[in-house]
Amino acid sequence: METSELESKVQKLETALAVQEASMAGAQATQAATQAGMTSTFTAAHGGTWAVMGAGSAALIVGIFLGMAIAKG
């Protein structure tokens, strides 16, 4: 095997390794972005649930007092 042929094979292996490393970095970045998106979605849904529950509770209390006021009047 000649030196130039060996150098060519080493260069091809280096290129293949660089492509593999770039692919792995891209996959990890995609996974991190997906997890961040899932976390923010869960947080927004959780906050929305609590907001709806708070508004519903306030409406219930107002409705109770309104009903009592109508019943008295």
N, C-alpha and C. Protein backbone atom coordinates (compact mmCIF):
# COMPACT_ATOMS: atom_id res chain seq x y z
N MET A 1 0.86 -1.18 0.00
CA MET A 1 0.00 0.00 0.00
C MET A 1 0.90 1.23 0.00
N GLU A 2 0.64 2.13 -0.89
CA GLU A 2 1.45 3.33 -1.00
C GLU A 2 1.05 4.35 0.05
N THR A 3 1.95 5.27 0.31
CA THR A 3 1.71 6.30 1.29
C THR A 3 0.53 7.19 0.90
N SER A 4 0.43 7.55 -0.35
CA SER A 4 -0.67 8.41 -0.80
C SER A 4 -2.02 7.71 -0.65
N GLU A 5 -2.04 6.41 -0.90
CA GLU A 5 -3.29 5.64 -0.74
C GLU A 5 -3.67 5.57 0.73
N LEU A 6 -2.68 5.38 1.57
CA LEU A 6 -2.92 5.33 3.02
C LEU A 6 -3.40 6.69 3.53
N GLU A 7 -2.81 7.75 3.06
CA GLU A 7 -3.23 9.10 3.45
C GLU A 7 -4.67 9.36 2.99
N SER A 8 -5.00 8.87 1.81
CA SER A 8 -6.35 9.05 1.28
C SER A 8 -7.37 8.33 2.16
N LYS A 9 -7.05 7.12 2.58
CA LYS A 9 -7.95 6.36 3.45
C LYS A 9 -8.10 7.03 4.80
N VAL A 10 -7.00 7.54 5.35
CA VAL A 10 -7.05 8.23 6.64
C VAL A 10 -7.93 9.48 6.52
N GLN A 11 -7.76 10.21 5.42
CA GLN A 11 -8.56 11.42 5.21
C GLN A 11 -10.05 11.08 5.09
N LYS A 12 -10.38 9.99 4.39
CA LYS A 12 -11.78 9.56 4.27
C LYS A 12 -12.35 9.18 5.64
N LEU A 13 -11.55 8.49 6.45
CA LEU A 13 -12.00 8.12 7.79
C LEU A 13 -12.21 9.35 8.66
N GLU A 14 -11.31 10.33 8.55
CA GLU A 14 -11.46 11.57 9.31
C GLU A 14 -12.73 12.31 8.90
N THR A 15 -13.00 12.32 7.61
CA THR A 15 -14.21 12.98 7.11
C THR A 15 -15.45 12.26 7.61
N ALA A 16 -15.44 10.94 7.55
CA ALA A 16 -16.59 10.16 8.03
C ALA A 16 -16.82 10.38 9.52
N LEU A 17 -15.74 10.45 10.28
CA LEU A 17 -15.85 10.68 11.72
C LEU A 17 -16.41 12.07 12.00
N ALA A 18 -15.97 13.06 11.24
CA ALA A 18 -16.48 14.43 11.42
C ALA A 18 -17.97 14.50 11.10
N VAL A 19 -18.40 13.81 10.06
CA VAL A 19 -19.82 13.78 9.70
C VAL A 19 -20.63 13.10 10.80
N GLN A 20 -20.10 12.02 11.33
CA GLN A 20 -20.79 11.30 12.40
C GLN A 20 -20.92 12.18 13.64
N GLU A 21 -19.84 12.90 13.99
CA GLU A 21 -19.88 13.78 15.15
C GLU A 21 -20.88 14.91 14.95
N ALA A 22 -20.94 15.46 13.74
CA ALA A 22 -21.89 16.53 13.44
C ALA A 22 -23.33 16.02 13.52
N SER A 23 -23.55 14.82 13.03
CA SER A 23 -24.88 14.22 13.10
C SER A 23 -25.30 14.00 14.55
N MET A 24 -24.38 13.53 15.37
CA MET A 24 -24.68 13.30 16.79
C MET A 24 -24.98 14.62 17.49
N ALA A 25 -24.21 15.65 17.19
CA ALA A 25 -24.45 16.97 17.79
C ALA A 25 -25.81 17.50 17.37
N GLY A 26 -26.18 17.31 16.12
CA GLY A 26 -27.49 17.74 15.64
C GLY A 26 -28.62 16.99 16.32
N ALA A 27 -28.44 15.70 16.50
CA ALA A 27 -29.46 14.89 17.17
C ALA A 27 -29.62 15.32 18.63
N GLN A 28 -28.51 15.60 19.29
CA GLN A 28 -28.59 16.04 20.68
C GLN A 28 -29.26 17.41 20.79
N ALA A 29 -28.96 18.30 19.86
CA ALA A 29 -29.60 19.62 19.86
C ALA A 29 -31.10 19.50 19.62
N THR A 30 -31.47 18.62 18.71
CA THR A 30 -32.90 18.40 18.44
C THR A 30 -33.61 17.84 19.66
N GLN A 31 -32.97 16.90 20.32
CA GLN A 31 -33.57 16.31 21.52
C GLN A 31 -33.71 17.35 22.62
N ALA A 32 -32.71 18.18 22.80
CA ALA A 32 -32.77 19.23 23.83
C ALA A 32 -33.89 20.22 23.51
N ALA A 33 -34.04 20.59 22.24
CA ALA A 33 -35.10 21.52 21.86
C ALA A 33 -36.47 20.91 22.07
N THR A 34 -36.59 19.63 21.76
CA THR A 34 -37.86 18.93 21.96
C THR A 34 -38.24 18.89 23.43
N GLN A 35 -37.27 18.57 24.28
CA GLN A 35 -37.54 18.53 25.72
C GLN A 35 -37.90 19.91 26.25
N ALA A 36 -37.23 20.93 25.77
CA ALA A 36 -37.55 22.29 26.21
C ALA A 36 -38.96 22.67 25.77
N GLY A 37 -39.33 22.31 24.57
CA GLY A 37 -40.68 22.58 24.09
C GLY A 37 -41.73 21.84 24.88
N MET A 38 -41.45 20.60 25.22
CA MET A 38 -42.40 19.82 26.02
C MET A 38 -42.56 20.43 27.41
N THR A 39 -41.45 20.88 27.98
CA THR A 39 -41.50 21.48 29.31
C THR A 39 -42.30 22.77 29.30
N SER A 40 -42.07 23.61 28.30
CA SER A 40 -42.81 24.88 28.24
C SER A 40 -44.29 24.64 27.96
N THR A 41 -44.61 23.64 27.15
CA THR A 41 -46.01 23.30 26.88
C THR A 41 -46.69 22.82 28.16
N PHE A 42 -46.01 21.96 28.90
CA PHE A 42 -46.57 21.46 30.16
C PHE A 42 -46.78 22.60 31.14
N THR A 43 -45.81 23.50 31.22
CA THR A 43 -45.91 24.64 32.14
C THR A 43 -47.08 25.53 31.77
N ALA A 44 -47.24 25.80 30.48
CA ALA A 44 -48.35 26.64 30.02
C ALA A 44 -49.70 25.97 30.30
N ALA A 45 -49.78 24.68 30.06
CA ALA A 45 -51.02 23.96 30.32
C ALA A 45 -51.35 23.95 31.81
N HIS A 46 -50.33 23.75 32.62
CA HIS A 46 -50.52 23.73 34.07
C HIS A 46 -50.99 25.11 34.54
N GLY A 47 -50.35 26.16 34.06
CA GLY A 47 -50.76 27.52 34.42
C GLY A 47 -52.17 27.83 33.95
N GLY A 48 -52.52 27.38 32.76
CA GLY A 48 -53.87 27.59 32.24
C GLY A 48 -54.91 26.88 33.07
N THR A 49 -54.59 25.67 33.49
CA THR A 49 -55.51 24.91 34.34
C THR A 49 -55.78 25.65 35.64
N TRP A 50 -54.72 26.13 36.27
CA TRP A 50 -54.89 26.86 37.54
C TRP A 50 -55.66 28.15 37.33
N ALA A 51 -55.44 28.84 36.20
CA ALA A 51 -56.17 30.08 35.92
C ALA A 51 -57.66 29.81 35.76
N VAL A 52 -58.00 28.75 35.04
CA VAL A 52 -59.41 28.39 34.85
C VAL A 52 -60.04 27.99 36.18
N MET A 53 -59.31 27.24 36.98
CA MET A 53 -59.84 26.84 38.29
C MET A 53 -60.06 28.06 39.18
N GLY A 54 -59.13 29.01 39.14
CA GLY A 54 -59.28 30.24 39.93
C GLY A 54 -60.48 31.06 39.48
N ALA A 55 -60.62 31.21 38.18
CA ALA A 55 -61.76 31.97 37.65
C ALA A 55 -63.08 31.28 37.98
N GLY A 56 -63.10 29.97 37.87
CA GLY A 56 -64.32 29.21 38.20
C GLY A 56 -64.68 29.34 39.67
N SER A 57 -63.68 29.30 40.53
CA SER A 57 -63.92 29.44 41.98
C SER A 57 -64.46 30.83 42.29
N ALA A 58 -63.88 31.85 41.67
CA ALA A 58 -64.36 33.23 41.89
C ALA A 58 -65.79 33.37 41.41
N ALA A 59 -66.11 32.80 40.26
CA ALA A 59 -67.47 32.87 39.73
C ALA A 59 -68.45 32.14 40.64
N LEU A 60 -68.03 31.03 41.20
CA LEU A 60 -68.89 30.27 42.13
C LEU A 60 -69.20 31.09 43.37
N ILE A 61 -68.19 31.72 43.93
CA ILE A 61 -68.39 32.52 45.14
C ILE A 61 -69.29 33.72 44.83
N VAL A 62 -69.05 34.40 43.72
CA VAL A 62 -69.91 35.52 43.33
C VAL A 62 -71.34 35.03 43.12
N GLY A 63 -71.50 33.89 42.47
CA GLY A 63 -72.83 33.32 42.24
C GLY A 63 -73.56 32.99 43.52
N ILE A 64 -72.83 32.47 44.52
CA ILE A 64 -73.45 32.15 45.81
C ILE A 64 -73.98 33.42 46.47
N PHE A 65 -73.15 34.45 46.53
CA PHE A 65 -73.58 35.70 47.16
C PHE A 65 -74.70 36.37 46.37
N LEU A 66 -74.63 36.28 45.05
CA LEU A 66 -75.68 36.85 44.21
C LEU A 66 -77.00 36.11 44.46
N GLY A 67 -76.93 34.80 44.55
CA GLY A 67 -78.12 34.01 44.83
C GLY A 67 -78.72 34.32 46.19
N MET A 68 -77.83 34.52 47.18
CA MET A 68 -78.32 34.87 48.51
C MET A 68 -78.98 36.24 48.48
N ALA A 69 -78.40 37.19 47.74
CA ALA A 69 -78.96 38.54 47.66
C ALA A 69 -80.31 38.52 46.95
N ILE A 70 -80.46 37.71 45.90
CA ILE A 70 -81.72 37.62 45.18
C ILE A 70 -82.77 36.95 46.06
N ALA A 71 -82.37 35.92 46.80
CA ALA A 71 -83.32 35.21 47.66
C ALA A 71 -83.83 36.10 48.78
N LYS A 72 -82.98 36.98 49.32
CA LYS A 72 -83.40 37.90 50.37
C LYS A 72 -84.34 38.96 49.84
N GLY A 73 -84.05 39.44 48.65
CA GLY A 73 -84.76 40.59 48.09
C GLY A 73 -86.11 40.24 47.67
